[in-house]
């Protein structure tokens, strides 16, 4: 099923920047939100918060497919993942909070990142 969805998936990145981004050129807490769309419908989104110390991923479509956020911190050995697996179209799941090692980049995926149905990486900081 996921392989069929992969060929039909329309992935769009929607980023939201606060006025501080335009004024200072730097992103802060809730400046970044990425949406994942399939067939014109928002299936999920992820956002950074808390001075980019954490990320959350939210499922928005009751389609039996979960969503995940893959992220990298500024000092890390590779990406980590937080998944909202139920596919029920409600609720958010968050990463651990660590402002001393902020989130560097994120991407949103339909299901697990290994499925390959993900937005491009977006630099948070």
Foldseek 3Di string as FASTA:
>chain_A
DLVVQLVQFDFDWDFAADVCCVVPVAGFAFRGKTFGGGPRDTQKMKTGGDRQQKMKIWGAAQPQWKKKKWWDWPDDPGIDMDIPRRSHRGDMDMDDGDNVTGTFWMKMATHDCVSVRIDDIDGRD
